[in-house]
Protein backbone atom coordinates (compact mmCIF):
# COMPACT_ATOMS: atom_id res chain seq x y z
CA MET A 1 -0.02 22.87 1.47
CA GLN A 2 -0.74 20.92 -1.76
CA LYS A 3 -3.97 19.06 -2.59
CA ILE A 4 -4.32 17.26 -5.83
CA SER A 5 -7.31 15.87 -6.56
CA LEU A 6 -6.40 11.70 -7.44
CA GLU A 7 -9.99 11.15 -9.58
CA ALA A 8 -9.19 14.19 -11.83
CA LEU A 9 -6.44 13.63 -12.51
CA GLY A 10 -6.78 10.16 -13.55
CA ARG A 11 -10.27 11.11 -15.24
CA GLN A 12 -7.05 13.97 -17.25
CA GLN A 13 -5.29 11.31 -18.64
CA MET A 14 -7.24 8.24 -19.68
CA LYS A 15 -8.77 11.92 -22.04
CA LEU A 16 -5.49 12.00 -23.10
CA ALA A 17 -4.05 8.59 -23.67
CA ALA A 18 -6.96 8.45 -25.91
CA THR A 19 -5.51 10.14 -28.62
CA ALA A 20 -2.04 9.31 -27.44
CA ALA A 21 0.03 7.38 -30.20
CA GLY A 22 0.89 4.67 -27.34
CA ARG A 23 -2.71 4.48 -26.37
CA HIS A 24 -0.97 5.66 -22.29
CA THR A 25 -0.12 9.28 -20.62
CA ALA A 26 1.79 10.21 -17.72
CA ASP A 27 1.82 13.09 -15.12
CA THR A 28 3.99 13.09 -12.05
CA VAL A 29 2.31 14.73 -9.54
CA TYR A 30 4.62 15.23 -6.35
CA GLY A 31 8.29 14.37 -6.66
CA GLY A 32 10.55 13.70 -9.66
CA HIS A 33 14.38 12.06 -10.65
CA GLU A 34 16.35 14.63 -8.20
CA LYS A 35 14.25 13.21 -4.82
CA VAL A 36 13.70 9.59 -3.45
CA LEU A 37 9.50 9.38 -3.27
CA ARG A 38 7.79 10.03 -6.97
CA GLN A 39 3.82 9.82 -7.80
CA THR A 40 3.55 9.49 -11.65
CA VAL A 41 -0.75 8.78 -12.43
CA ILE A 42 -0.97 6.96 -15.75
CA GLY A 43 -3.70 6.88 -17.90
CA MET A 44 -4.54 3.28 -19.12
CA ILE A 45 -7.14 3.09 -22.64
CA ALA A 46 -7.51 -0.58 -22.48
CA GLY A 47 -5.03 -2.56 -24.75
CA ALA A 48 -2.31 -0.43 -23.84
CA ARG A 49 1.27 -1.23 -22.32
CA LEU A 50 3.58 -0.78 -20.69
CA ALA A 51 6.32 -2.15 -22.27
CA GLU A 52 8.33 -5.09 -19.76
CA HIS A 53 10.96 -2.74 -18.16
CA GLU A 54 13.48 -3.25 -15.23
CA ASN A 55 11.99 -1.54 -11.61
CA PRO A 56 13.42 1.45 -10.43
CA GLY A 57 12.95 0.82 -7.16
CA GLU A 58 10.01 0.25 -4.38
CA ALA A 59 6.96 1.02 -6.68
CA THR A 60 3.00 0.11 -6.01
CA VAL A 61 0.61 0.94 -8.50
CA LEU A 62 -3.00 2.19 -6.89
CA ILE A 63 -5.86 1.52 -9.35
CA LEU A 64 -8.04 4.16 -9.90
CA ARG A 65 -10.51 3.24 -12.30
CA GLY A 66 -10.43 0.45 -14.43
CA ARG A 67 -8.32 -2.67 -14.16
CA VAL A 68 -5.78 -3.73 -15.06
CA ARG A 69 -2.51 -6.75 -14.60
CA LEU A 70 0.61 -5.92 -13.71
CA LEU A 71 2.97 -8.79 -15.36
CA ALA A 72 6.49 -9.97 -14.23
CA ALA A 73 8.66 -13.51 -13.99
CA GLY A 74 5.20 -15.37 -16.26
CA VAL A 75 3.37 -14.87 -12.94
CA SER A 76 0.69 -12.04 -13.17
CA TRP A 77 -1.79 -10.21 -11.08
CA GLU A 78 -5.00 -7.67 -11.63
CA GLY A 79 -5.61 -5.37 -9.96
CA ALA A 80 -9.40 -2.97 -9.99
CA ARG A 81 -10.37 -0.84 -8.84
CA GLY A 82 -9.18 1.09 -4.83
CA ASP A 83 -6.32 -2.51 -5.32
CA LEU A 84 -2.90 -1.59 -4.68
CA LEU A 85 -0.43 -4.13 -6.45
CA ILE A 86 2.93 -4.96 -4.55
CA VAL A 87 6.13 -3.94 -7.70
CA PRO A 88 8.21 -7.22 -7.54
CA ASP A 89 11.95 -6.46 -7.24
CA ASN A 90 11.96 -7.67 -11.03
CA ARG A 91 11.54 -6.61 -14.65
CA HIS A 92 7.92 -6.20 -15.23
CA SER A 93 5.17 -4.95 -17.57
CA LEU A 94 0.98 -3.99 -16.92
CA GLU A 95 -1.31 -3.96 -19.28
CA ALA A 96 -4.74 -1.81 -18.89
CA LEU A 97 -7.98 -4.66 -19.24
CA GLU A 98 -9.91 -1.44 -19.59
CA ASP A 99 -9.98 2.19 -20.13
CA SER A 100 -7.57 2.85 -16.60
CA ALA A 101 -6.50 4.95 -14.02
CA VAL A 102 -3.66 4.35 -11.25
CA LEU A 103 -0.95 5.93 -9.58
CA LEU A 104 2.69 4.47 -9.50
CA THR A 105 4.21 5.09 -6.49
CA VAL A 106 8.64 4.89 -6.84
CA ALA A 107 10.93 5.11 -4.17
CA LYS A 108 13.78 4.67 -5.89
CA LEU A 109 16.96 2.94 -4.50
CA SER A 110 19.80 4.75 -4.13
């Protein structure tokens, strides 16, 4: 068994994002390309954006800190600490409205 502090990882990724070229960083904490389930903590500085991309499978975004906006097909949803956003099954992007950390969970489609 392994225990991971999402709070600590979120703080760490936000700190790293402050000096990263794209103003965002990520660390996969469980799973990966060889697994069906993948969980990744993403740190984003206010104004940073994950460019529009395809959804690799069923996905959710749990906001650990800050506020973010998920955009897809001309519709947007905002989330703050403790909110869970269900990622729609189409192209989407994610934008940090303030310094933020999120947990992205993806279950890849086979």
